[in-house]
Amino acid sequence: MISGISGSTTNPLQSGGPGVARASTPPPPPAPVAESSAPVVTQQATLTAQVVAQPTVRPEQVERAKQLLSSPNYPPRAIVEAVAKLISDSQAE
């Protein structure tokens, strides 16, 4: 038994048996945290500015969507059937 379980007074396991290795040294300490987070803040500010500069509506994508929706073959029948099967299978559970 392991010491401390069910009132046992035996010594803890000295070896873990075959296939179990005991750590001979403690794990290394975590890497130190950088003193300044200024580069991260600068990168975040740059990315935020780039996102804000993007248009909220992309005309080329709107045009593509209109073309797809006007097509009687969109979405393809195979896709519709696959989605229908997924829905029916989820309802059966």
PDB file of N, CA and C in Angstrom:
ATOM      1  N   MET A   1       0.831  -1.195   0.000  1.00  0.00           N
ATOM      2  CA  MET A   1       0.000   0.000   0.000  1.00  0.00           C
ATOM      3  C   MET A   1       0.866   1.244   0.000  1.00  0.00           C
ATOM      4  N   ILE A   2       0.282   2.330  -0.407  1.00  0.00           N
ATOM      5  CA  ILE A   2       0.984   3.605  -0.407  1.00  0.00           C
ATOM      6  C   ILE A   2       0.748   4.274   0.933  1.00  0.00           C
ATOM      7  N   SER A   3       1.781   4.919   1.440  1.00  0.00           N
ATOM      8  CA  SER A   3       1.686   5.577   2.730  1.00  0.00           C
ATOM      9  C   SER A   3       0.573   6.617   2.725  1.00  0.00           C
ATOM     10  N   GLY A   4      -0.239   6.625   3.775  1.00  0.00           N
ATOM     11  CA  GLY A   4      -1.277   7.626   3.909  1.00  0.00           C
ATOM     12  C   GLY A   4      -2.634   7.159   3.418  1.00  0.00           C
ATOM     13  N   ILE A   5      -2.712   5.971   2.829  1.00  0.00           N
ATOM     14  CA  ILE A   5      -3.988   5.467   2.354  1.00  0.00           C
ATOM     15  C   ILE A   5      -4.427   4.347   3.276  1.00  0.00           C
ATOM     16  N   SER A   6      -5.642   4.407   3.728  1.00  0.00           N
ATOM     17  CA  SER A   6      -6.239   3.407   4.613  1.00  0.00           C
ATOM     18  C   SER A   6      -5.422   3.197   5.874  1.00  0.00           C
ATOM     19  N   GLY A   7      -4.816   4.242   6.400  1.00  0.00           N
ATOM     20  CA  GLY A   7      -4.073   4.166   7.638  1.00  0.00           C
ATOM     21  C   GLY A   7      -2.789   3.380   7.534  1.00  0.00           C
ATOM     22  N   SER A   8      -2.293   3.167   6.361  1.00  0.00           N
ATOM     23  CA  SER A   8      -1.091   2.385   6.162  1.00  0.00           C
ATOM     24  C   SER A   8       0.103   3.117   6.742  1.00  0.00           C
ATOM     25  N   THR A   9       1.016   2.356   7.292  1.00  0.00           N
ATOM     26  CA  THR A   9       2.234   2.955   7.829  1.00  0.00           C
ATOM     27  C   THR A   9       3.445   2.512   7.030  1.00  0.00           C
ATOM     28  N   THR A  10       3.213   1.895   5.900  1.00  0.00           N
ATOM     29  CA  THR A  10       4.343   1.450   5.094  1.00  0.00           C
ATOM     30  C   THR A  10       4.976   2.641   4.394  1.00  0.00           C
ATOM     31  N   ASN A  11       6.206   2.459   3.945  1.00  0.00           N
ATOM     32  CA  ASN A  11       6.902   3.519   3.227  1.00  0.00           C
ATOM     33  C   ASN A  11       6.286   3.700   1.847  1.00  0.00           C
ATOM     34  N   PRO A  12       6.381   4.912   1.307  1.00  0.00           N
ATOM     35  CA  PRO A  12       5.899   5.102  -0.060  1.00  0.00           C
ATOM     36  C   PRO A  12       6.679   4.232  -1.028  1.00  0.00           C
ATOM     37  N   LEU A  13       6.117   4.007  -2.184  1.00  0.00           N
ATOM     38  CA  LEU A  13       6.774   3.183  -3.189  1.00  0.00           C
ATOM     39  C   LEU A  13       8.150   3.745  -3.516  1.00  0.00           C
ATOM     40  N   GLN A  14       9.131   2.888  -3.558  1.00  0.00           N
ATOM     41  CA  GLN A  14      10.479   3.315  -3.876  1.00  0.00           C
ATOM     42  C   GLN A  14      10.728   3.304  -5.366  1.00  0.00           C
ATOM     43  N   SER A  15      10.058   2.426  -6.068  1.00  0.00           N
ATOM     44  CA  SER A  15      10.163   2.416  -7.526  1.00  0.00           C
ATOM     45  C   SER A  15       8.775   2.162  -8.061  1.00  0.00           C
ATOM     46  N   GLY A  16       8.544   2.660  -9.214  1.00  0.00           N
ATOM     47  CA  GLY A  16       7.227   2.528  -9.792  1.00  0.00           C
ATOM     48  C   GLY A  16       7.016   1.197 -10.476  1.00  0.00           C
ATOM     49  N   GLY A  17       8.002   0.318 -10.463  1.00  0.00           N
ATOM     50  CA  GLY A  17       7.855  -0.949 -11.148  1.00  0.00           C
ATOM     51  C   GLY A  17       8.273  -0.807 -12.594  1.00  0.00           C
ATOM     52  N   PRO A  18       8.101  -1.866 -13.365  1.00  0.00           N
ATOM     53  CA  PRO A  18       8.518  -1.800 -14.760  1.00  0.00           C
ATOM     54  C   PRO A  18       7.706  -0.773 -15.539  1.00  0.00           C
ATOM     55  N   GLY A  19       8.384  -0.021 -16.352  1.00  0.00           N
ATOM     56  CA  GLY A  19       7.718   0.945 -17.196  1.00  0.00           C
ATOM     57  C   GLY A  19       7.454   2.288 -16.552  1.00  0.00           C
ATOM     58  N   VAL A  20       7.760   2.431 -15.268  1.00  0.00           N
ATOM     59  CA  VAL A  20       7.523   3.699 -14.590  1.00  0.00           C
ATOM     60  C   VAL A  20       8.861   4.254 -14.150  1.00  0.00           C
ATOM     61  N   ALA A  21       9.160   5.453 -14.556  1.00  0.00           N
ATOM     62  CA  ALA A  21      10.428   6.075 -14.177  1.00  0.00           C
ATOM     63  C   ALA A  21      10.154   7.233 -13.233  1.00  0.00           C
ATOM     64  N   ARG A  22      10.986   7.397 -12.259  1.00  0.00           N
ATOM     65  CA  ARG A  22      10.870   8.507 -11.330  1.00  0.00           C
ATOM     66  C   ARG A  22      11.745   9.639 -11.829  1.00  0.00           C
ATOM     67  N   ALA A  23      11.295  10.838 -11.658  1.00  0.00           N
ATOM     68  CA  ALA A  23      12.086  11.991 -12.072  1.00  0.00           C
ATOM     69  C   ALA A  23      13.288  12.120 -11.156  1.00  0.00           C
ATOM     70  N   SER A  24      14.464  12.228 -11.752  1.00  0.00           N
ATOM     71  CA  SER A  24      15.663  12.368 -10.936  1.00  0.00           C
ATOM     72  C   SER A  24      15.936  13.820 -10.598  1.00  0.00           C
ATOM     73  N   THR A  25      15.418  14.729 -11.404  1.00  0.00           N
ATOM     74  CA  THR A  25      15.593  16.151 -11.134  1.00  0.00           C
ATOM     75  C   THR A  25      14.250  16.840 -11.307  1.00  0.00           C
ATOM     76  N   PRO A  26      14.046  17.916 -10.585  1.00  0.00           N
ATOM     77  CA  PRO A  26      12.773  18.627 -10.743  1.00  0.00           C
ATOM     78  C   PRO A  26      12.704  19.278 -12.118  1.00  0.00           C
ATOM     79  N   PRO A  27      11.497  19.537 -12.609  1.00  0.00           N
ATOM     80  CA  PRO A  27      11.372  20.176 -13.917  1.00  0.00           C
ATOM     81  C   PRO A  27      11.967  21.582 -13.884  1.00  0.00           C
ATOM     82  N   PRO A  28      12.419  22.072 -15.026  1.00  0.00           N
ATOM     83  CA  PRO A  28      13.010  23.411 -15.046  1.00  0.00           C
ATOM     84  C   PRO A  28      11.961  24.462 -14.741  1.00  0.00           C
ATOM     85  N   PRO A  29      12.367  25.580 -14.161  1.00  0.00           N
ATOM     86  CA  PRO A  29      11.396  26.633 -13.852  1.00  0.00           C
ATOM     87  C   PRO A  29      10.869  27.254 -15.143  1.00  0.00           C
ATOM     88  N   PRO A  30       9.683  27.853 -15.094  1.00  0.00           N
ATOM     89  CA  PRO A  30       9.142  28.478 -16.303  1.00  0.00           C
ATOM     90  C   PRO A  30      10.016  29.640 -16.750  1.00  0.00           C
ATOM     91  N   ALA A  31       9.929  29.946 -18.031  1.00  0.00           N
ATOM     92  CA  ALA A  31      10.725  31.040 -18.579  1.00  0.00           C
ATOM     93  C   ALA A  31      10.294  32.343 -17.932  1.00  0.00           C
ATOM     94  N   PRO A  32      11.232  33.246 -17.713  1.00  0.00           N
ATOM     95  CA  PRO A  32      10.878  34.518 -17.080  1.00  0.00           C
ATOM     96  C   PRO A  32       9.972  35.340 -17.994  1.00  0.00           C
ATOM     97  N   VAL A  33       9.083  36.085 -17.372  1.00  0.00           N
ATOM     98  CA  VAL A  33       8.170  36.942 -18.102  1.00  0.00           C
ATOM     99  C   VAL A  33       8.908  38.218 -18.477  1.00  0.00           C
ATOM    100  N   ALA A  34       8.698  38.668 -19.693  1.00  0.00           N
ATOM    101  CA  ALA A  34       9.374  39.874 -20.154  1.00  0.00           C
ATOM    102  C   ALA A  34       8.960  41.061 -19.296  1.00  0.00           C
ATOM    103  N   GLU A  35       9.877  41.926 -19.053  1.00  0.00           N
ATOM    104  CA  GLU A  35       9.622  43.101 -18.230  1.00  0.00           C
ATOM    105  C   GLU A  35       8.621  44.039 -18.894  1.00  0.00           C
ATOM    106  N   SER A  36       8.754  44.205 -20.207  1.00  0.00           N
ATOM    107  CA  SER A  36       7.911  45.155 -20.920  1.00  0.00           C
ATOM    108  C   SER A  36       7.052  44.419 -21.940  1.00  0.00           C
ATOM    109  N   SER A  37       5.790  44.773 -21.993  1.00  0.00           N
ATOM    110  CA  SER A  37       4.908  44.182 -22.987  1.00  0.00           C
ATOM    111  C   SER A  37       4.654  45.171 -24.119  1.00  0.00           C
ATOM    112  N   ALA A  38       5.486  46.179 -24.238  1.00  0.00           N
ATOM    113  CA  ALA A  38       5.301  47.207 -25.265  1.00  0.00           C
ATOM    114  C   ALA A  38       5.261  46.632 -26.679  1.00  0.00           C
ATOM    115  N   PRO A  39       6.147  45.695 -27.064  1.00  0.00           N
ATOM    116  CA  PRO A  39       6.055  45.155 -28.425  1.00  0.00           C
ATOM    117  C   PRO A  39       4.720  44.471 -28.694  1.00  0.00           C
ATOM    118  N   VAL A  40       4.193  43.757 -27.719  1.00  0.00           N
ATOM    119  CA  VAL A  40       2.912  43.071 -27.894  1.00  0.00           C
ATOM    120  C   VAL A  40       1.799  44.103 -28.066  1.00  0.00           C
ATOM    121  N   VAL A  41       1.825  45.136 -27.256  1.00  0.00           N
ATOM    122  CA  VAL A  41       0.802  46.179 -27.342  1.00  0.00           C
ATOM    123  C   VAL A  41       0.894  46.879 -28.694  1.00  0.00           C
ATOM    124  N   THR A  42       2.106  47.127 -29.163  1.00  0.00           N
ATOM    125  CA  THR A  42       2.292  47.767 -30.461  1.00  0.00           C
ATOM    126  C   THR A  42       1.748  46.887 -31.576  1.00  0.00           C
ATOM    127  N   GLN A  43       2.046  45.595 -31.528  1.00  0.00           N
ATOM    128  CA  GLN A  43       1.532  44.669 -32.537  1.00  0.00           C
ATOM    129  C   GLN A  43       0.009  44.625 -32.505  1.00  0.00           C
ATOM    130  N   GLN A  44      -0.546  44.598 -31.309  1.00  0.00           N
ATOM    131  CA  GLN A  44      -2.000  44.550 -31.185  1.00  0.00           C
ATOM    132  C   GLN A  44      -2.615  45.825 -31.754  1.00  0.00           C
ATOM    133  N   ALA A  45      -2.028  46.953 -31.467  1.00  0.00           N
ATOM    134  CA  ALA A  45      -2.544  48.214 -31.987  1.00  0.00           C
ATOM    135  C   ALA A  45      -2.471  48.242 -33.512  1.00  0.00           C
ATOM    136  N   THR A  46      -1.377  47.715 -34.067  1.00  0.00           N
ATOM    137  CA  THR A  46      -1.226  47.671 -35.516  1.00  0.00           C
ATOM    138  C   THR A  46      -2.295  46.783 -36.140  1.00  0.00           C
ATOM    139  N   LEU A  47      -2.500  45.606 -35.572  1.00  0.00           N
ATOM    140  CA  LEU A  47      -3.515  44.693 -36.108  1.00  0.00           C
ATOM    141  C   LEU A  47      -4.920  45.273 -35.973  1.00  0.00           C
ATOM    142  N   THR A  48      -5.185  45.921 -34.854  1.00  0.00           N
ATOM    143  CA  THR A  48      -6.494  46.542 -34.658  1.00  0.00           C
ATOM    144  C   THR A  48      -6.730  47.617 -35.709  1.00  0.00           C
ATOM    145  N   ALA A  49      -5.725  48.419 -35.989  1.00  0.00           N
ATOM    146  CA  ALA A  49      -5.848  49.465 -37.005  1.00  0.00           C
ATOM    147  C   ALA A  49      -6.098  48.856 -38.381  1.00  0.00           C
ATOM    148  N   GLN A  50      -5.442  47.742 -38.683  1.00  0.00           N
ATOM    149  CA  GLN A  50      -5.652  47.084 -39.974  1.00  0.00           C
ATOM    150  C   GLN A  50      -7.069  46.542 -40.097  1.00  0.00           C
ATOM    151  N   VAL A  51      -7.600  45.992 -39.025  1.00  0.00           N
ATOM    152  CA  VAL A  51      -8.967  45.462 -39.054  1.00  0.00           C
ATOM    153  C   VAL A  51      -9.962  46.600 -39.227  1.00  0.00           C
ATOM    154  N   VAL A  52      -9.749  47.691 -38.512  1.00  0.00           N
ATOM    155  CA  VAL A  52     -10.653  48.835 -38.617  1.00  0.00           C
ATOM    156  C   VAL A  52     -10.625  49.416 -40.029  1.00  0.00           C
ATOM    157  N   ALA A  53      -9.480  49.363 -40.692  1.00  0.00           N
ATOM    158  CA  ALA A  53      -9.343  49.922 -42.036  1.00  0.00           C
ATOM    159  C   ALA A  53     -10.042  49.067 -43.098  1.00  0.00           C
ATOM    160  N   GLN A  54     -10.363  47.813 -42.778  1.00  0.00           N
ATOM    161  CA  GLN A  54     -11.025  46.940 -43.741  1.00  0.00           C
ATOM    162  C   GLN A  54     -12.476  47.394 -43.936  1.00  0.00           C
ATOM    163  N   PRO A  55     -12.956  47.339 -45.156  1.00  0.00           N
ATOM    164  CA  PRO A  55     -14.359  47.709 -45.379  1.00  0.00           C
ATOM    165  C   PRO A  55     -15.284  46.675 -44.754  1.00  0.00           C
ATOM    166  N   THR A  56     -16.436  47.131 -44.281  1.00  0.00           N
ATOM    167  CA  THR A  56     -17.380  46.193 -43.662  1.00  0.00           C
ATOM    168  C   THR A  56     -18.139  45.408 -44.709  1.00  0.00           C
ATOM    169  N   VAL A  57     -18.234  45.951 -45.916  1.00  0.00           N
ATOM    170  CA  VAL A  57     -18.908  45.267 -47.018  1.00  0.00           C
ATOM    171  C   VAL A  57     -17.922  45.155 -48.167  1.00  0.00           C
ATOM    172  N   ARG A  58     -17.761  43.933 -48.666  1.00  0.00           N
ATOM    173  CA  ARG A  58     -16.874  43.724 -49.811  1.00  0.00           C
ATOM    174  C   ARG A  58     -17.738  43.540 -51.050  1.00  0.00           C
ATOM    175  N   PRO A  59     -17.755  44.540 -51.906  1.00  0.00           N
ATOM    176  CA  PRO A  59     -18.652  44.495 -53.074  1.00  0.00           C
ATOM    177  C   PRO A  59     -18.469  43.259 -53.946  1.00  0.00           C
ATOM    178  N   GLU A  60     -17.237  42.792 -54.114  1.00  0.00           N
ATOM    179  CA  GLU A  60     -17.020  41.622 -54.965  1.00  0.00           C
ATOM    180  C   GLU A  60     -17.656  40.367 -54.370  1.00  0.00           C
ATOM    181  N   GLN A  61     -17.671  40.274 -53.040  1.00  0.00           N
ATOM    182  CA  GLN A  61     -18.310  39.117 -52.400  1.00  0.00           C
ATOM    183  C   GLN A  61     -19.836  39.227 -52.461  1.00  0.00           C
ATOM    184  N   VAL A  62     -20.351  40.446 -52.360  1.00  0.00           N
ATOM    185  CA  VAL A  62     -21.795  40.645 -52.477  1.00  0.00           C
ATOM    186  C   VAL A  62     -22.249  40.247 -53.880  1.00  0.00           C
ATOM    187  N   GLU A  63     -21.492  40.647 -54.886  1.00  0.00           N
ATOM    188  CA  GLU A  63     -21.829  40.297 -56.267  1.00  0.00           C
ATOM    189  C   GLU A  63     -21.782  38.784 -56.475  1.00  0.00           C
ATOM    190  N   ARG A  64     -20.776  38.133 -55.927  1.00  0.00           N
ATOM    191  CA  ARG A  64     -20.662  36.675 -56.047  1.00  0.00           C
ATOM    192  C   ARG A  64     -21.865  35.991 -55.392  1.00  0.00           C
ATOM    193  N   ALA A  65     -22.257  36.483 -54.217  1.00  0.00           N
ATOM    194  CA  ALA A  65     -23.400  35.895 -53.519  1.00  0.00           C
ATOM    195  C   ALA A  65     -24.679  36.064 -54.342  1.00  0.00           C
ATOM    196  N   LYS A  66     -24.861  37.231 -54.957  1.00  0.00           N
ATOM    197  CA  LYS A  66     -26.045  37.464 -55.789  1.00  0.00           C
ATOM    198  C   LYS A  66     -26.075  36.493 -56.968  1.00  0.00           C
ATOM    199  N   GLN A  67     -24.905  36.274 -57.581  1.00  0.00           N
ATOM    200  CA  GLN A  67     -24.837  35.350 -58.708  1.00  0.00           C
ATOM    201  C   GLN A  67     -25.175  33.926 -58.272  1.00  0.00           C
ATOM    202  N   LEU A  68     -24.635  33.510 -57.138  1.00  0.00           N
ATOM    203  CA  LEU A  68     -24.918  32.157 -56.646  1.00  0.00           C
ATOM    204  C   LEU A  68     -26.401  31.994 -56.329  1.00  0.00           C
ATOM    205  N   LEU A  69     -26.985  32.979 -55.679  1.00  0.00           N
ATOM    206  CA  LEU A  69     -28.394  32.872 -55.293  1.00  0.00           C
ATOM    207  C   LEU A  69     -29.339  32.903 -56.487  1.00  0.00           C
ATOM    208  N   SER A  70     -28.913  33.539 -57.567  1.00  0.00           N
ATOM    209  CA  SER A  70     -29.768  33.585 -58.749  1.00  0.00           C
ATOM    210  C   SER A  70     -29.703  32.285 -59.550  1.00  0.00           C
ATOM    211  N   SER A  71     -28.745  31.426 -59.255  1.00  0.00           N
ATOM    212  CA  SER A  71     -28.596  30.161 -59.970  1.00  0.00           C
ATOM    213  C   SER A  71     -29.563  29.122 -59.408  1.00  0.00           C
ATOM    214  N   PRO A  72     -30.333  28.453 -60.276  1.00  0.00           N
ATOM    215  CA  PRO A  72     -31.247  27.412 -59.784  1.00  0.00           C
ATOM    216  C   PRO A  72     -30.499  26.169 -59.277  1.00  0.00           C
ATOM    217  N   ASN A  73     -29.231  26.043 -59.611  1.00  0.00           N
ATOM    218  CA  ASN A  73     -28.445  24.882 -59.182  1.00  0.00           C
ATOM    219  C   ASN A  73     -27.595  25.152 -57.940  1.00  0.00           C
ATOM    220  N   TYR A  74     -27.894  26.233 -57.236  1.00  0.00           N
ATOM    221  CA  TYR A  74     -27.120  26.543 -56.029  1.00  0.00           C
ATOM    222  C   TYR A  74     -28.038  26.481 -54.832  1.00  0.00           C
ATOM    223  N   PRO A  75     -27.662  25.845 -53.789  1.00  0.00           N
ATOM    224  CA  PRO A  75     -26.487  24.984 -53.639  1.00  0.00           C
ATOM    225  C   PRO A  75     -26.691  23.687 -54.408  1.00  0.00           C
ATOM    226  N   PRO A  76     -25.599  23.016 -54.725  1.00  0.00           N
ATOM    227  CA  PRO A  76     -25.708  21.755 -55.478  1.00  0.00           C
ATOM    228  C   PRO A  76     -26.575  20.733 -54.737  1.00  0.00           C
ATOM    229  N   ARG A  77     -27.286  19.928 -55.497  1.00  0.00           N
ATOM    230  CA  ARG A  77     -28.190  18.937 -54.927  1.00  0.00           C
ATOM    231  C   ARG A  77     -27.462  18.004 -53.947  1.00  0.00           C
ATOM    232  N   ALA A  78     -26.240  17.620 -54.273  1.00  0.00           N
ATOM    233  CA  ALA A  78     -25.481  16.720 -53.388  1.00  0.00           C
ATOM    234  C   ALA A  78     -25.268  17.354 -52.012  1.00  0.00           C
ATOM    235  N   ILE A  79     -25.034  18.651 -51.985  1.00  0.00           N
ATOM    236  CA  ILE A  79     -24.845  19.352 -50.705  1.00  0.00           C
ATOM    237  C   ILE A  79     -26.156  19.375 -49.923  1.00  0.00           C
ATOM    238  N   VAL A  80     -27.246  19.688 -50.600  1.00  0.00           N
ATOM    239  CA  VAL A  80     -28.557  19.722 -49.936  1.00  0.00           C
ATOM    240  C   VAL A  80     -28.888  18.349 -49.352  1.00  0.00           C
ATOM    241  N   GLU A  81     -28.651  17.296 -50.120  1.00  0.00           N
ATOM    242  CA  GLU A  81     -28.928  15.946 -49.636  1.00  0.00           C
ATOM    243  C   GLU A  81     -28.033  15.566 -48.462  1.00  0.00           C
ATOM    244  N   ALA A  82     -26.764  15.964 -48.515  1.00  0.00           N
ATOM    245  CA  ALA A  82     -25.841  15.652 -47.417  1.00  0.00           C
ATOM    246  C   ALA A  82     -26.263  16.357 -46.131  1.00  0.00           C
ATOM    247  N   VAL A  83     -26.670  17.620 -46.254  1.00  0.00           N
ATOM    248  CA  VAL A  83     -27.125  18.363 -45.075  1.00  0.00           C
ATOM    249  C   VAL A  83     -28.426  17.759 -44.544  1.00  0.00           C
ATOM    250  N   ALA A  84     -29.332  17.385 -45.442  1.00  0.00           N
ATOM    251  CA  ALA A  84     -30.589  16.765 -45.022  1.00  0.00           C
ATOM    252  C   ALA A  84     -30.330  15.462 -44.274  1.00  0.00           C
ATOM    253  N   LYS A  85     -29.373  14.678 -44.751  1.00  0.00           N
ATOM    254  CA  LYS A  85     -29.024  13.425 -44.074  1.00  0.00           C
ATOM    255  C   LYS A  85     -28.462  13.692 -42.686  1.00  0.00           C
ATOM    256  N   LEU A  86     -27.583  14.687 -42.587  1.00  0.00           N
ATOM    257  CA  LEU A  86     -27.020  15.036 -41.276  1.00  0.00           C
ATOM    258  C   LEU A  86     -28.120  15.456 -40.299  1.00  0.00           C
ATOM    259  N   ILE A  87     -29.074  16.239 -40.795  1.00  0.00           N
ATOM    260  CA  ILE A  87     -30.172  16.677 -39.927  1.00  0.00           C
ATOM    261  C   ILE A  87     -31.031  15.509 -39.511  1.00  0.00           C
ATOM    262  N   SER A  88     -31.379  14.634 -40.465  1.00  0.00           N
ATOM    263  CA  SER A  88     -32.243  13.498 -40.124  1.00  0.00           C
ATOM    264  C   SER A  88     -31.522  12.528 -39.179  1.00  0.00           C
ATOM    265  N   ASP A  89     -30.226  12.339 -39.387  1.00  0.00           N
ATOM    266  CA  ASP A  89     -29.475  11.447 -38.485  1.00  0.00           C
ATOM    267  C   ASP A  89     -29.403  12.028 -37.072  1.00  0.00           C
ATOM    268  N   SER A  90     -29.285  13.338 -36.960  1.00  0.00           N
ATOM    269  CA  SER A  90     -29.202  13.951 -35.632  1.00  0.00           C
ATOM    270  C   SER A  90     -30.557  13.898 -34.912  1.00  0.00           C
ATOM    271  N   GLN A  91     -31.660  13.895 -35.675  1.00  0.00           N
ATOM    272  CA  GLN A  91     -32.995  13.818 -35.096  1.00  0.00           C
ATOM    273  C   GLN A  91     -33.294  12.412 -34.594  1.00  0.00           C
ATOM    274  N   ALA A  92     -32.658  11.407 -35.175  1.00  0.00           N
ATOM    275  CA  ALA A  92     -32.906  10.019 -34.807  1.00  0.00           C
ATOM    276  C   ALA A  92     -32.268   9.665 -33.454  1.00  0.00           C
ATOM    277  N   GLU A  93     -31.316  10.433 -33.050  1.00  0.00           N
ATOM    278  CA  GLU A  93     -30.593  10.119 -31.797  1.00  0.00           C
ATOM    279  C   GLU A  93     -31.349  10.467 -30.582  1.00  0.00           C
TER     280      GLU A  93
END
